């Protein structure tokens, strides 16, 4: 599986009950752009990755973990 496809699947899994439109709105990106990310057709920028992480209440690095928990909040240092 290509890295972009794997990342997209993680985003889809992490958004849980949120629709694409809801997550896109929270992240400040278009629903179409999110759909392309989830299908592995678009490589998000670091800025977009940060926006998605914030919208999901995660740190950006957690989007790349094999099994991050949806909605798990990271501890502050």
PDB file of N, CA and C in Angstrom:
ATOM      1  N   UNK A   1       0.844  -1.169   0.000  1.00  0.00           N
ATOM      2  CA  UNK A   1       0.000   0.000   0.000  1.00  0.00           C
ATOM      3  C   UNK A   1       0.894   1.238   0.000  1.00  0.00           C
ATOM      4  N   UNK A   2       0.564   2.190  -0.832  1.00  0.00           N
ATOM      5  CA  UNK A   2       1.319   3.437  -0.926  1.00  0.00           C
ATOM      6  C   UNK A   2       1.153   4.256   0.354  1.00  0.00           C
ATOM      7  N   UNK A   3       2.180   5.023   0.733  1.00  0.00           N
ATOM      8  CA  UNK A   3       2.084   5.825   1.955  1.00  0.00           C
ATOM      9  C   UNK A   3       0.874   6.773   1.971  1.00  0.00           C
ATOM     10  N   UNK A   4       0.582   7.412   0.848  1.00  0.00           N
ATOM     11  CA  UNK A   4      -0.561   8.332   0.802  1.00  0.00           C
ATOM     12  C   UNK A   4      -1.871   7.591   1.045  1.00  0.00           C
ATOM     13  N   UNK A   5      -1.980   6.387   0.513  1.00  0.00           N
ATOM     14  CA  UNK A   5      -3.186   5.587   0.715  1.00  0.00           C
ATOM     15  C   UNK A   5      -3.321   5.161   2.176  1.00  0.00           C
ATOM     16  N   UNK A   6      -2.208   4.750   2.786  1.00  0.00           N
ATOM     17  CA  UNK A   6      -2.221   4.346   4.195  1.00  0.00           C
ATOM     18  C   UNK A   6      -2.591   5.527   5.091  1.00  0.00           C
ATOM     19  N   UNK A   7      -2.042   6.701   4.793  1.00  0.00           N
ATOM     20  CA  UNK A   7      -2.359   7.891   5.570  1.00  0.00           C
ATOM     21  C   UNK A   7      -3.843   8.228   5.436  1.00  0.00           C
ATOM     22  N   UNK A   8      -4.357   8.162   4.238  1.00  0.00           N
ATOM     23  CA  UNK A   8      -5.772   8.444   4.004  1.00  0.00           C
ATOM     24  C   UNK A   8      -6.688   7.496   4.762  1.00  0.00           C
ATOM     25  N   UNK A   9      -6.313   6.238   4.805  1.00  0.00           N
ATOM     26  CA  UNK A   9      -7.115   5.256   5.556  1.00  0.00           C
ATOM     27  C   UNK A   9      -7.099   5.566   7.046  1.00  0.00           C
ATOM     28  N   UNK A  10      -5.944   6.017   7.538  1.00  0.00           N
ATOM     29  CA  UNK A  10      -5.866   6.380   8.954  1.00  0.00           C
ATOM     30  C   UNK A  10      -6.792   7.555   9.260  1.00  0.00           C
ATOM     31  N   UNK A  11      -6.768   8.554   8.392  1.00  0.00           N
ATOM     32  CA  UNK A  11      -7.630   9.722   8.599  1.00  0.00           C
ATOM     33  C   UNK A  11      -9.091   9.287   8.597  1.00  0.00           C
ATOM     34  N   UNK A  12      -9.461   8.463   7.651  1.00  0.00           N
ATOM     35  CA  UNK A  12     -10.845   7.983   7.562  1.00  0.00           C
ATOM     36  C   UNK A  12     -11.236   7.242   8.845  1.00  0.00           C
ATOM     37  N   UNK A  13     -10.336   6.405   9.339  1.00  0.00           N
ATOM     38  CA  UNK A  13     -10.623   5.659  10.562  1.00  0.00           C
ATOM     39  C   UNK A  13     -10.704   6.592  11.768  1.00  0.00           C
ATOM     40  N   UNK A  14      -9.801   7.551  11.855  1.00  0.00           N
ATOM     41  CA  UNK A  14      -9.754   8.449  13.000  1.00  0.00           C
ATOM     42  C   UNK A  14     -10.936   9.414  13.068  1.00  0.00           C
ATOM     43  N   UNK A  15     -11.513   9.738  11.932  1.00  0.00           N
ATOM     44  CA  UNK A  15     -12.637  10.678  11.991  1.00  0.00           C
ATOM     45  C   UNK A  15     -13.882  10.017  12.545  1.00  0.00           C
ATOM     46  N   UNK A  16     -13.888   8.686  12.638  1.00  0.00           N
ATOM     47  CA  UNK A  16     -14.970   7.968  13.301  1.00  0.00           C
ATOM     48  C   UNK A  16     -16.338   8.341  12.791  1.00  0.00           C
ATOM     49  N   UNK A  17     -17.180   8.900  13.674  1.00  0.00           N
ATOM     50  CA  UNK A  17     -18.552   9.245  13.326  1.00  0.00           C
ATOM     51  C   UNK A  17     -18.672  10.597  12.619  1.00  0.00           C
ATOM     52  N   UNK A  18     -17.579  11.343  12.541  1.00  0.00           N
ATOM     53  CA  UNK A  18     -17.622  12.623  11.825  1.00  0.00           C
ATOM     54  C   UNK A  18     -17.760  12.373  10.334  1.00  0.00           C
ATOM     55  N   UNK A  19     -18.552  13.183   9.672  1.00  0.00           N
ATOM     56  CA  UNK A  19     -18.622  13.097   8.213  1.00  0.00           C
ATOM     57  C   UNK A  19     -17.390  13.795   7.633  1.00  0.00           C
ATOM     58  N   UNK A  20     -17.140  13.567   6.359  1.00  0.00           N
ATOM     59  CA  UNK A  20     -16.049  14.284   5.705  1.00  0.00           C
ATOM     60  C   UNK A  20     -16.286  15.785   5.808  1.00  0.00           C
ATOM     61  N   UNK A  21     -17.519  16.200   5.608  1.00  0.00           N
ATOM     62  CA  UNK A  21     -17.841  17.628   5.674  1.00  0.00           C
ATOM     63  C   UNK A  21     -17.568  18.227   7.038  1.00  0.00           C
ATOM     64  N   UNK A  22     -17.909  17.491   8.100  1.00  0.00           N
ATOM     65  CA  UNK A  22     -17.674  17.982   9.459  1.00  0.00           C
ATOM     66  C   UNK A  22     -16.181  18.116   9.757  1.00  0.00           C
ATOM     67  N   UNK A  23     -15.409  17.079   9.394  1.00  0.00           N
ATOM     68  CA  UNK A  23     -13.966  17.148   9.640  1.00  0.00           C
ATOM     69  C   UNK A  23     -13.339  18.239   8.787  1.00  0.00           C
ATOM     70  N   UNK A  24     -13.741  18.340   7.543  1.00  0.00           N
ATOM     71  CA  UNK A  24     -13.197  19.377   6.662  1.00  0.00           C
ATOM     72  C   UNK A  24     -13.471  20.766   7.233  1.00  0.00           C
ATOM     73  N   UNK A  25     -14.674  20.983   7.718  1.00  0.00           N
ATOM     74  CA  UNK A  25     -15.036  22.275   8.306  1.00  0.00           C
ATOM     75  C   UNK A  25     -14.176  22.563   9.532  1.00  0.00           C
ATOM     76  N   UNK A  26     -14.029  21.590  10.406  1.00  0.00           N
ATOM     77  CA  UNK A  26     -13.196  21.754  11.609  1.00  0.00           C
ATOM     78  C   UNK A  26     -11.746  22.064  11.251  1.00  0.00           C
ATOM     79  N   UNK A  27     -11.267  21.438  10.165  1.00  0.00           N
ATOM     80  CA  UNK A  27      -9.861  21.598   9.773  1.00  0.00           C
ATOM     81  C   UNK A  27      -9.643  22.804   8.857  1.00  0.00           C
ATOM     82  N   UNK A  28     -10.717  23.385   8.353  1.00  0.00           N
ATOM     83  CA  UNK A  28     -10.564  24.537   7.469  1.00  0.00           C
ATOM     84  C   UNK A  28     -10.093  24.174   6.077  1.00  0.00           C
ATOM     85  N   UNK A  29     -10.484  22.983   5.607  1.00  0.00           N
ATOM     86  CA  UNK A  29     -10.158  22.553   4.244  1.00  0.00           C
ATOM     87  C   UNK A  29     -11.458  22.169   3.544  1.00  0.00           C
ATOM     88  N   UNK A  30     -11.409  21.995   2.250  1.00  0.00           N
ATOM     89  CA  UNK A  30     -12.627  21.623   1.531  1.00  0.00           C
ATOM     90  C   UNK A  30     -12.909  20.128   1.685  1.00  0.00           C
ATOM     91  N   UNK A  31     -14.178  19.766   1.585  1.00  0.00           N
ATOM     92  CA  UNK A  31     -14.567  18.367   1.688  1.00  0.00           C
ATOM     93  C   UNK A  31     -13.944  17.567   0.546  1.00  0.00           C
ATOM     94  N   UNK A  32     -13.888  18.157  -0.633  1.00  0.00           N
ATOM     95  CA  UNK A  32     -13.280  17.471  -1.778  1.00  0.00           C
ATOM     96  C   UNK A  32     -11.807  17.169  -1.566  1.00  0.00           C
ATOM     97  N   UNK A  33     -11.098  18.121  -0.974  1.00  0.00           N
ATOM     98  CA  UNK A  33      -9.681  17.916  -0.678  1.00  0.00           C
ATOM     99  C   UNK A  33      -9.513  16.788   0.323  1.00  0.00           C
ATOM    100  N   UNK A  34     -10.349  16.779   1.375  1.00  0.00           N
ATOM    101  CA  UNK A  34     -10.295  15.700   2.358  1.00  0.00           C
ATOM    102  C   UNK A  34     -10.613  14.357   1.703  1.00  0.00           C
ATOM    103  N   UNK A  35     -11.578  14.331   0.822  1.00  0.00           N
ATOM    104  CA  UNK A  35     -11.935  13.083   0.133  1.00  0.00           C
ATOM    105  C   UNK A  35     -10.739  12.562  -0.668  1.00  0.00           C
ATOM    106  N   UNK A  36     -10.011  13.467  -1.339  1.00  0.00           N
ATOM    107  CA  UNK A  36      -8.836  13.045  -2.120  1.00  0.00           C
ATOM    108  C   UNK A  36      -7.725  12.535  -1.208  1.00  0.00           C
ATOM    109  N   UNK A  37      -7.565  13.165  -0.047  1.00  0.00           N
ATOM    110  CA  UNK A  37      -6.566  12.695   0.925  1.00  0.00           C
ATOM    111  C   UNK A  37      -6.938  11.289   1.384  1.00  0.00           C
ATOM    112  N   UNK A  38      -8.205  11.098   1.742  1.00  0.00           N
ATOM    113  CA  UNK A  38      -8.647   9.792   2.249  1.00  0.00           C
ATOM    114  C   UNK A  38      -8.516   8.686   1.206  1.00  0.00           C
ATOM    115  N   UNK A  39      -8.624   9.019  -0.060  1.00  0.00           N
ATOM    116  CA  UNK A  39      -8.479   8.014  -1.122  1.00  0.00           C
ATOM    117  C   UNK A  39      -7.032   7.839  -1.554  1.00  0.00           C
ATOM    118  N   UNK A  40      -6.124   8.601  -0.955  1.00  0.00           N
ATOM    119  CA  UNK A  40      -4.706   8.485  -1.291  1.00  0.00           C
ATOM    120  C   UNK A  40      -4.343   9.141  -2.601  1.00  0.00           C
ATOM    121  N   UNK A  41      -5.188  10.062  -3.069  1.00  0.00           N
ATOM    122  CA  UNK A  41      -4.947  10.732  -4.343  1.00  0.00           C
ATOM    123  C   UNK A  41      -4.254  12.076  -4.180  1.00  0.00           C
ATOM    124  N   UNK A  42      -4.178  12.551  -2.951  1.00  0.00           N
ATOM    125  CA  UNK A  42      -3.605  13.864  -2.666  1.00  0.00           C
ATOM    126  C   UNK A  42      -2.663  13.744  -1.482  1.00  0.00           C
ATOM    127  N   UNK A  43      -1.488  14.308  -1.602  1.00  0.00           N
ATOM    128  CA  UNK A  43      -0.538  14.359  -0.496  1.00  0.00           C
ATOM    129  C   UNK A  43      -0.760  15.667   0.249  1.00  0.00           C
ATOM    130  N   UNK A  44      -1.154  15.607   1.526  1.00  0.00           N
ATOM    131  CA  UNK A  44      -1.374  16.850   2.271  1.00  0.00           C
ATOM    132  C   UNK A  44      -0.054  17.512   2.646  1.00  0.00           C
ATOM    133  N   UNK A  45      -0.091  18.834   2.743  1.00  0.00           N
ATOM    134  CA  UNK A  45       1.084  19.572   3.207  1.00  0.00           C
ATOM    135  C   UNK A  45       1.195  19.412   4.722  1.00  0.00           C
ATOM    136  N   UNK A  46       2.324  19.822   5.274  1.00  0.00           N
ATOM    137  CA  UNK A  46       2.485  19.790   6.726  1.00  0.00           C
ATOM    138  C   UNK A  46       1.434  20.661   7.406  1.00  0.00           C
ATOM    139  N   UNK A  47       1.102  21.774   6.788  1.00  0.00           N
ATOM    140  CA  UNK A  47       0.076  22.654   7.346  1.00  0.00           C
ATOM    141  C   UNK A  47      -1.265  21.935   7.416  1.00  0.00           C
ATOM    142  N   UNK A  48      -1.613  21.212   6.365  1.00  0.00           N
ATOM    143  CA  UNK A  48      -2.878  20.473   6.344  1.00  0.00           C
ATOM    144  C   UNK A  48      -2.861  19.345   7.364  1.00  0.00           C
ATOM    145  N   UNK A  49      -1.736  18.670   7.509  1.00  0.00           N
ATOM    146  CA  UNK A  49      -1.613  17.608   8.510  1.00  0.00           C
ATOM    147  C   UNK A  49      -1.841  18.186   9.903  1.00  0.00           C
ATOM    148  N   UNK A  50      -1.262  19.349  10.187  1.00  0.00           N
ATOM    149  CA  UNK A  50      -1.462  20.005  11.478  1.00  0.00           C
ATOM    150  C   UNK A  50      -2.937  20.361  11.684  1.00  0.00           C
ATOM    151  N   UNK A  51      -3.584  20.859  10.641  1.00  0.00           N
ATOM    152  CA  UNK A  51      -5.002  21.224  10.738  1.00  0.00           C
ATOM    153  C   UNK A  51      -5.863  19.994  11.023  1.00  0.00           C
ATOM    154  N   UNK A  52      -5.575  18.898  10.339  1.00  0.00           N
ATOM    155  CA  UNK A  52      -6.335  17.667  10.560  1.00  0.00           C
ATOM    156  C   UNK A  52      -6.125  17.141  11.975  1.00  0.00           C
ATOM    157  N   UNK A  53      -4.876  17.165  12.431  1.00  0.00           N
ATOM    158  CA  UNK A  53      -4.576  16.694  13.783  1.00  0.00           C
ATOM    159  C   UNK A  53      -5.323  17.533  14.812  1.00  0.00           C
ATOM    160  N   UNK A  54      -5.278  18.828  14.674  1.00  0.00           N
ATOM    161  CA  UNK A  54      -5.955  19.716  15.617  1.00  0.00           C
ATOM    162  C   UNK A  54      -7.464  19.454  15.606  1.00  0.00           C
ATOM    163  N   UNK A  55      -8.032  19.276  14.426  1.00  0.00           N
ATOM    164  CA  UNK A  55      -9.466  19.016  14.303  1.00  0.00           C
ATOM    165  C   UNK A  55      -9.860  17.694  14.959  1.00  0.00           C
ATOM    166  N   UNK A  56      -8.918  16.743  15.003  1.00  0.00           N
ATOM    167  CA  UNK A  56      -9.170  15.436  15.609  1.00  0.00           C
ATOM    168  C   UNK A  56      -8.688  15.362  17.059  1.00  0.00           C
ATOM    169  N   UNK A  57      -8.204  16.485  17.587  1.00  0.00           N
ATOM    170  CA  UNK A  57      -7.696  16.562  18.962  1.00  0.00           C
ATOM    171  C   UNK A  57      -6.512  15.615  19.179  1.00  0.00           C
ATOM    172  N   UNK A  58      -5.616  15.591  18.190  1.00  0.00           N
ATOM    173  CA  UNK A  58      -4.414  14.771  18.243  1.00  0.00           C
ATOM    174  C   UNK A  58      -3.209  15.632  17.933  1.00  0.00           C
ATOM    175  N   UNK A  59      -2.027  15.094  18.207  1.00  0.00           N
ATOM    176  CA  UNK A  59      -0.800  15.724  17.735  1.00  0.00           C
ATOM    177  C   UNK A  59      -0.534  15.177  16.338  1.00  0.00           C
ATOM    178  N   UNK A  60       0.141  15.955  15.522  1.00  0.00           N
ATOM    179  CA  UNK A  60       0.388  15.551  14.139  1.00  0.00           C
ATOM    180  C   UNK A  60       1.049  14.183  14.044  1.00  0.00           C
ATOM    181  N   UNK A  61       2.000  13.909  14.906  1.00  0.00           N
ATOM    182  CA  UNK A  61       2.698  12.625  14.875  1.00  0.00           C
ATOM    183  C   UNK A  61       1.780  11.434  15.088  1.00  0.00           C
ATOM    184  N   UNK A  62       0.704  11.648  15.839  1.00  0.00           N
ATOM    185  CA  UNK A  62      -0.231  10.558  16.095  1.00  0.00           C
ATOM    186  C   UNK A  62      -0.964  10.122  14.832  1.00  0.00           C
ATOM    187  N   UNK A  63      -1.031  10.986  13.832  1.00  0.00           N
ATOM    188  CA  UNK A  63      -1.681  10.612  12.577  1.00  0.00           C
ATOM    189  C   UNK A  63      -0.878   9.569  11.810  1.00  0.00           C
ATOM    190  N   UNK A  64       0.382   9.379  12.208  1.00  0.00           N
ATOM    191  CA  UNK A  64       1.245   8.426  11.524  1.00  0.00           C
ATOM    192  C   UNK A  64       1.463   7.142  12.314  1.00  0.00           C
ATOM    193  N   UNK A  65       0.913   7.071  13.529  1.00  0.00           N
ATOM    194  CA  UNK A  65       1.035   5.864  14.330  1.00  0.00           C
ATOM    195  C   UNK A  65       0.140   4.784  13.753  1.00  0.00           C
ATOM    196  N   UNK A  66       0.533   3.530  13.970  1.00  0.00           N
ATOM    197  CA  UNK A  66      -0.256   2.429  13.441  1.00  0.00           C
ATOM    198  C   UNK A  66      -1.672   2.407  13.986  1.00  0.00           C
ATOM    199  N   UNK A  67      -1.827   2.605  15.294  1.00  0.00           N
ATOM    200  CA  UNK A  67      -3.163   2.524  15.882  1.00  0.00           C
ATOM    201  C   UNK A  67      -3.390   3.602  16.936  1.00  0.00           C
ATOM    202  N   UNK A  68      -3.370   4.900  16.523  1.00  0.00           N
ATOM    203  CA  UNK A  68      -3.689   5.918  17.516  1.00  0.00           C
ATOM    204  C   UNK A  68      -5.162   5.835  17.874  1.00  0.00           C
ATOM    205  N   UNK A  69      -5.482   6.158  19.108  1.00  0.00           N
ATOM    206  CA  UNK A  69      -6.868   6.105  19.555  1.00  0.00           C
ATOM    207  C   UNK A  69      -7.611   7.346  19.078  1.00  0.00           C
ATOM    208  N   UNK A  70      -8.785   7.197  18.481  1.00  0.00           N
ATOM    209  CA  UNK A  70      -9.553   8.362  18.051  1.00  0.00           C
ATOM    210  C   UNK A  70      -9.875   9.253  19.248  1.00  0.00           C
ATOM    211  N   UNK A  71      -9.634  10.545  19.075  1.00  0.00           N
ATOM    212  CA  UNK A  71      -9.987  11.506  20.097  1.00  0.00           C
ATOM    213  C   UNK A  71      -9.076  11.503  21.317  1.00  0.00           C
ATOM    214  N   UNK A  72      -8.006  10.692  21.281  1.00  0.00           N
ATOM    215  CA  UNK A  72      -7.092  10.651  22.425  1.00  0.00           C
ATOM    216  C   UNK A  72      -6.317  11.953  22.494  1.00  0.00           C
ATOM    217  N   UNK A  73      -6.395  12.606  23.590  1.00  0.00           N
ATOM    218  CA  UNK A  73      -5.684  13.864  23.768  1.00  0.00           C
ATOM    219  C   UNK A  73      -4.278  13.568  24.272  1.00  0.00           C
ATOM    220  N   UNK A  74      -3.342  14.300  23.724  1.00  0.00           N
ATOM    221  CA  UNK A  74      -1.946  14.137  24.142  1.00  0.00           C
ATOM    222  C   UNK A  74      -1.697  14.933  25.388  1.00  0.00           C
ATOM    223  N   UNK A  75      -0.766  14.443  26.193  1.00  0.00           N
ATOM    224  CA  UNK A  75      -0.388  15.179  27.391  1.00  0.00           C
ATOM    225  C   UNK A  75       0.504  16.349  27.015  1.00  0.00           C
ATOM    226  N   UNK A  76       0.301  17.444  27.688  1.00  0.00           N
ATOM    227  CA  UNK A  76       1.169  18.608  27.488  1.00  0.00           C
ATOM    228  C   UNK A  76       2.438  18.403  28.287  1.00  0.00           C
ATOM    229  N   UNK A  77       3.572  18.893  27.768  1.00  0.00           N
ATOM    230  CA  UNK A  77       4.837  18.745  28.509  1.00  0.00           C
ATOM    231  C   UNK A  77       4.832  19.547  29.782  1.00  0.00           C
TER     232      UNK A  77
END
